[in-house]
C-alpha atoms as a PDB file:
ATOM      1  CA  MET A   1     -49.136 -53.334 -28.379  1.00  0.00           C
ATOM      2  CA  ARG A   2     -50.919 -50.763 -26.431  1.00  0.00           C
ATOM      3  CA  VAL A   3     -50.019 -52.258 -23.415  1.00  0.00           C
ATOM      4  CA  LYS A   4     -46.239 -52.072 -24.807  1.00  0.00           C
ATOM      5  CA  LYS A   5     -46.382 -48.352 -24.959  1.00  0.00           C
ATOM      6  CA  LEU A   6     -48.137 -47.795 -21.400  1.00  0.00           C
ATOM      7  CA  LEU A   7     -45.702 -49.941 -19.719  1.00  0.00           C
ATOM      8  CA  VAL A   8     -42.719 -48.001 -21.287  1.00  0.00           C
ATOM      9  CA  ALA A   9     -44.608 -44.526 -20.082  1.00  0.00           C
ATOM     10  CA  PHE A  10     -44.626 -45.912 -16.934  1.00  0.00           C
ATOM     11  CA  LEU A  11     -41.395 -46.537 -16.713  1.00  0.00           C
ATOM     12  CA  LEU A  12     -39.997 -43.814 -18.368  1.00  0.00           C
ATOM     13  CA  GLY A  13     -42.025 -41.442 -15.553  1.00  0.00           C
ATOM     14  CA  ALA A  14     -40.741 -43.697 -12.789  1.00  0.00           C
ATOM     15  CA  GLY A  15     -37.585 -43.510 -13.855  1.00  0.00           C
ATOM     16  CA  LEU A  16     -37.474 -39.751 -14.291  1.00  0.00           C
ATOM     17  CA  CYS A  17     -38.524 -39.588 -10.401  1.00  0.00           C
ATOM     18  CA  PHE A  18     -35.057 -40.938  -9.354  1.00  0.00           C
ATOM     19  CA  VAL A  19     -32.973 -38.552 -11.484  1.00  0.00           C
ATOM     20  CA  PRO A  20     -31.519 -36.013  -9.431  1.00  0.00           C
ATOM     21  CA  VAL A  21     -32.708 -32.323 -10.529  1.00  0.00           C
ATOM     22  CA  LEU A  22     -29.516 -30.651 -12.432  1.00  0.00           C
ATOM     23  CA  GLY A  23     -29.094 -26.879 -11.088  1.00  0.00           C
ATOM     24  CA  TYR A  24     -30.659 -28.166  -7.676  1.00  0.00           C
ATOM     25  CA  GLY A  25     -29.633 -24.734  -5.616  1.00  0.00           C
ATOM     26  CA  GLU A  26     -29.729 -24.159  -1.692  1.00  0.00           C
ATOM     27  CA  VAL A  27     -31.850 -21.165  -0.846  1.00  0.00           C
ATOM     28  CA  LYS A  28     -30.569 -18.903   1.732  1.00  0.00           C
ATOM     29  CA  THR A  29     -32.625 -17.790   4.649  1.00  0.00           C
ATOM     30  CA  ILE A  30     -32.146 -15.030   7.138  1.00  0.00           C
ATOM     31  CA  ALA A  31     -31.369 -17.492   9.602  1.00  0.00           C
ATOM     32  CA  ASP A  32     -27.766 -18.065   7.945  1.00  0.00           C
ATOM     33  CA  LYS A  33     -26.977 -14.229   8.391  1.00  0.00           C
ATOM     34  CA  ASN A  34     -25.870 -12.453  11.061  1.00  0.00           C
ATOM     35  CA  TYR A  35     -28.220 -10.762  13.369  1.00  0.00           C
ATOM     36  CA  MET A  36     -26.293  -7.165  13.335  1.00  0.00           C
ATOM     37  CA  ASP A  37     -25.726  -7.690   9.555  1.00  0.00           C
ATOM     38  CA  ILE A  38     -29.949  -7.830   9.516  1.00  0.00           C
ATOM     39  CA  ARG A  39     -30.234  -5.230  11.786  1.00  0.00           C
ATOM     40  CA  CYS A  40     -27.832  -2.996  10.281  1.00  0.00           C
ATOM     41  CA  LEU A  41     -29.420  -3.052   6.725  1.00  0.00           C
ATOM     42  CA  ARG A  42     -32.657  -2.379   8.533  1.00  0.00           C
ATOM     43  CA  GLY A  43     -31.335   0.595   9.762  1.00  0.00           C
ATOM     44  CA  GLU A  44     -30.081   2.124   6.284  1.00  0.00           C
ATOM     45  CA  VAL A  45     -33.760   0.791   5.292  1.00  0.00           C
ATOM     46  CA  GLU A  46     -35.506   2.807   8.055  1.00  0.00           C
ATOM     47  CA  TYR A  47     -32.933   5.926   7.797  1.00  0.00           C
ATOM     48  CA  MET A  48     -34.173   6.179   3.650  1.00  0.00           C
ATOM     49  CA  MET A  49     -37.877   5.657   4.786  1.00  0.00           C
ATOM     50  CA  SER A  50     -37.342   8.451   7.502  1.00  0.00           C
ATOM     51  CA  HIS A  51     -35.950  10.970   5.065  1.00  0.00           C
ATOM     52  CA  PRO A  52     -37.326   9.947   1.334  1.00  0.00           C
ATOM     53  CA  THR A  53     -36.680  13.268  -0.013  1.00  0.00           C
ATOM     54  CA  SER A  54     -33.245  14.862   1.695  1.00  0.00           C
ATOM     55  CA  PHE A  55     -31.239  11.064   2.434  1.00  0.00           C
ATOM     56  CA  LEU A  56     -27.976  10.692   1.700  1.00  0.00           C
ATOM     57  CA  TYR A  57     -25.929   7.514   0.596  1.00  0.00           C
ATOM     58  CA  VAL A  58     -25.856   5.485   4.188  1.00  0.00           C
ATOM     59  CA  SER A  59     -23.586   2.081   4.511  1.00  0.00           C
ATOM     60  CA  ILE A  60     -23.769   0.824   7.844  1.00  0.00           C
ATOM     61  CA  TYR A  61     -21.552  -2.058   9.146  1.00  0.00           C
ATOM     62  CA  TYR A  62     -20.865  -3.917  12.360  1.00  0.00           C
ATOM     63  CA  ASP A  63     -17.186  -4.201  12.725  1.00  0.00           C
ATOM     64  CA  PRO A  64     -16.837  -7.138  15.148  1.00  0.00           C
ATOM     65  CA  MET A  65     -12.952  -7.575  14.433  1.00  0.00           C
ATOM     66  CA  GLY A  66     -11.972  -4.069  14.207  1.00  0.00           C
ATOM     67  CA  LEU A  67     -10.672  -5.038  10.371  1.00  0.00           C
ATOM     68  CA  LEU A  68     -12.406  -1.121   9.191  1.00  0.00           C
ATOM     69  CA  GLY A  69      -9.973   0.538  10.994  1.00  0.00           C
ATOM     70  CA  ILE A  70      -7.315   0.471   8.687  1.00  0.00           C
ATOM     71  CA  TYR A  71      -9.852   3.344   6.867  1.00  0.00           C
ATOM     72  CA  TYR A  72      -9.234   5.816   9.678  1.00  0.00           C
ATOM     73  CA  PRO A  73      -6.727   7.942  11.549  1.00  0.00           C
ATOM     74  CA  GLU A  74      -4.143   5.820  13.266  1.00  0.00           C
ATOM     75  CA  GLY A  75      -5.759   4.916  17.016  1.00  0.00           C
ATOM     76  CA  VAL A  76      -9.166   5.336  15.479  1.00  0.00           C
ATOM     77  CA  ASP A  77     -10.357   1.449  16.844  1.00  0.00           C
ATOM     78  CA  THR A  78     -13.422  -0.621  15.033  1.00  0.00           C
ATOM     79  CA  LYS A  79     -13.341  -3.397  16.801  1.00  0.00           C
ATOM     80  CA  GLY A  80     -17.193  -4.148  18.206  1.00  0.00           C
ATOM     81  CA  LYS A  81     -18.497  -0.893  16.598  1.00  0.00           C
ATOM     82  CA  ILE A  82     -21.026  -0.019  14.271  1.00  0.00           C
ATOM     83  CA  CYS A  83     -18.849   1.924  11.406  1.00  0.00           C
ATOM     84  CA  ILE A  84     -21.266   3.948   9.146  1.00  0.00           C
ATOM     85  CA  SER A  85     -20.439   5.675   5.785  1.00  0.00           C
ATOM     86  CA  ILE A  86     -22.222   8.597   4.779  1.00  0.00           C
ATOM     87  CA  TYR A  87     -21.343   9.763   1.358  1.00  0.00           C
ATOM     88  CA  ASP A  88     -22.842  13.196   0.218  1.00  0.00           C
ATOM     89  CA  THR A  89     -25.368  12.783  -2.758  1.00  0.00           C
ATOM     90  CA  ARG A  90     -27.053  15.796  -2.341  1.00  0.00           C
ATOM     91  CA  ALA A  91     -24.246  18.688  -2.555  1.00  0.00           C
ATOM     92  CA  VAL A  92     -24.855  19.013   1.458  1.00  0.00           C
ATOM     93  CA  PHE A  93     -21.209  19.079   2.378  1.00  0.00           C
ATOM     94  CA  SER A  94     -20.207  21.213  -1.203  1.00  0.00           C
ATOM     95  CA  GLY A  95     -18.652  24.839  -0.315  1.00  0.00           C
ATOM     96  CA  LYS A  96     -18.269  24.280   3.423  1.00  0.00           C
ATOM     97  CA  SER A  97     -15.691  24.477   5.905  1.00  0.00           C
ATOM     98  CA  GLY A  98     -14.072  24.473   9.558  1.00  0.00           C
ATOM     99  CA  LYS A  99     -17.010  24.532  12.059  1.00  0.00           C
ATOM    100  CA  THR A 100     -19.518  24.873   9.560  1.00  0.00           C
ATOM    101  CA  LEU A 101     -18.975  21.429   7.802  1.00  0.00           C
ATOM    102  CA  LEU A 102     -18.439  19.805  11.491  1.00  0.00           C
ATOM    103  CA  SER A 103     -21.965  20.932  12.013  1.00  0.00           C
ATOM    104  CA  GLN A 104     -23.347  19.459   9.061  1.00  0.00           C
ATOM    105  CA  PHE A 105     -21.704  16.232   9.771  1.00  0.00           C
ATOM    106  CA  GLU A 106     -23.536  16.209  13.155  1.00  0.00           C
ATOM    107  CA  LYS A 107     -26.721  17.247  11.465  1.00  0.00           C
ATOM    108  CA  GLU A 108     -26.594  14.265   9.345  1.00  0.00           C
ATOM    109  CA  LEU A 109     -25.452  11.426  11.643  1.00  0.00           C
ATOM    110  CA  GLU A 110     -27.870  12.389  13.883  1.00  0.00           C
ATOM    111  CA  ALA A 111     -30.101  11.870  11.746  1.00  0.00           C
ATOM    112  CA  VAL A 112     -28.786   8.215  10.780  1.00  0.00           C
ATOM    113  CA  TYR A 113     -28.522   7.433  14.757  1.00  0.00           C
ATOM    114  CA  SER A 114     -32.759   9.068  15.078  1.00  0.00           C
ATOM    115  CA  CYS A 115     -33.401   5.267  13.121  1.00  0.00           C
ATOM    116  CA  PRO A 116     -34.597   3.014  15.756  1.00  0.00           C
ATOM    117  CA  SER A 117     -33.175  -0.050  14.465  1.00  0.00           C
ATOM    118  CA  ILE A 118     -29.478   1.514  14.933  1.00  0.00           C
ATOM    119  CA  ASP A 119     -30.324   3.572  18.556  1.00  0.00           C
ATOM    120  CA  ALA A 120     -31.609  -0.190  19.646  1.00  0.00           C
ATOM    121  CA  MET A 121     -27.881  -1.642  19.062  1.00  0.00           C
ATOM    122  CA  THR A 122     -25.921   0.530  20.614  1.00  0.00           C
ATOM    123  CA  ASP A 123     -25.727   1.521  24.320  1.00  0.00           C
ATOM    124  CA  TYR A 124     -23.868   4.921  24.050  1.00  0.00           C
ATOM    125  CA  GLU A 125     -23.286   6.823  20.701  1.00  0.00           C
ATOM    126  CA  HIS A 126     -20.231   7.993  21.489  1.00  0.00           C
ATOM    127  CA  THR A 127     -18.467   5.005  22.054  1.00  0.00           C
ATOM    128  CA  ASP A 128     -20.546   2.759  20.056  1.00  0.00           C
ATOM    129  CA  ILE A 129     -20.736   4.487  16.487  1.00  0.00           C
ATOM    130  CA  VAL A 130     -18.162   5.185  14.088  1.00  0.00           C
ATOM    131  CA  ALA A 131     -18.504   7.245  11.247  1.00  0.00           C
ATOM    132  CA  GLU A 132     -16.948   8.474   7.718  1.00  0.00           C
ATOM    133  CA  PHE A 133     -18.382  11.558   5.435  1.00  0.00           C
ATOM    134  CA  TYR A 134     -17.403  11.877   1.721  1.00  0.00           C
ATOM    135  CA  THR A 135     -17.978  14.255  -1.065  1.00  0.00           C
ATOM    136  CA  ARG A 136     -20.250  13.088  -3.790  1.00  0.00           C
ATOM    137  CA  GLU A 137     -16.678  12.192  -5.724  1.00  0.00           C
ATOM    138  CA  GLN A 138     -16.023  10.110  -2.908  1.00  0.00           C
ATOM    139  CA  ASN A 139     -13.250  11.990  -1.068  1.00  0.00           C
ATOM    140  CA  LEU A 140     -12.843  11.938   2.524  1.00  0.00           C
ATOM    141  CA  LEU A 141     -13.744  14.881   4.318  1.00  0.00           C
ATOM    142  CA  GLY A 142     -13.810  13.945   7.845  1.00  0.00           C
ATOM    143  CA  TYR A 143     -14.951  10.938  10.697  1.00  0.00           C
ATOM    144  CA  PHE A 144     -16.398  10.752  14.203  1.00  0.00           C
ATOM    145  CA  CYS A 145     -15.174   8.914  16.821  1.00  0.00           C
ATOM    146  CA  GLN A 146     -15.263   8.870  20.520  1.00  0.00           C
ATOM    147  CA  GLY A 147     -17.771  11.750  20.088  1.00  0.00           C
ATOM    148  CA  GLU A 148     -15.753  14.160  18.324  1.00  0.00           C
ATOM    149  CA  TYR A 149     -16.510  15.200  15.017  1.00  0.00           C
ATOM    150  CA  HIS A 150     -12.873  15.599  13.039  1.00  0.00           C
ATOM    151  CA  LEU A 151     -12.180  17.090   9.339  1.00  0.00           C
ATOM    152  CA  TRP A 152      -9.581  15.109   7.595  1.00  0.00           C
ATOM    153  CA  GLU A 153      -6.754  17.189   7.155  1.00  0.00           C
ATOM    154  CA  GLU A 154      -6.183  17.954  10.981  1.00  0.00           C
END
C-alpha cells in the first residue's frame, strides 16, 4: 500500500513537470525598444530630476517618419526630428502674450534642451527639434520650428 502511494506521488510529480505552465508570458527587455525611444524617456526623467520644484509636463518623442507633422501648421516637417510637447502645469504661460510669451517659450525649451540626453541626441537644436507649447487646459499656444518661436494665432 505504501509503495502504491509513493509510486502515485512520484508519477504525479513527474507528470506535472511536463505540463505547460498556463499564463506563461514573455518578458520584454530594453533590447526590444528603439534606442531613440529610450533616450527620449531618459531626457524626460533628467528634465524632471534637474527641475524638481518647477518642471512642466514634458513629452519627448522621436519621429522617424514624420507622422507627428499633422499636429503642426502646414510646412512644418517633423521627419527625423525630436518632437517636444510642453504642457503648462504651473501657470507660467497664463496672463502673458506676444513677445513675453515667446520669451517664456524659449526659456522653457532651453531648460529641456539643457538635459544631457537631449543634447546628445541632437547636432543642432534649431534644425533637430520641433516643439509645441500648451496651456493647462491643453490648448495650443505656440510652437518652435527652424530656430523660430511662433504663436499659434499667427
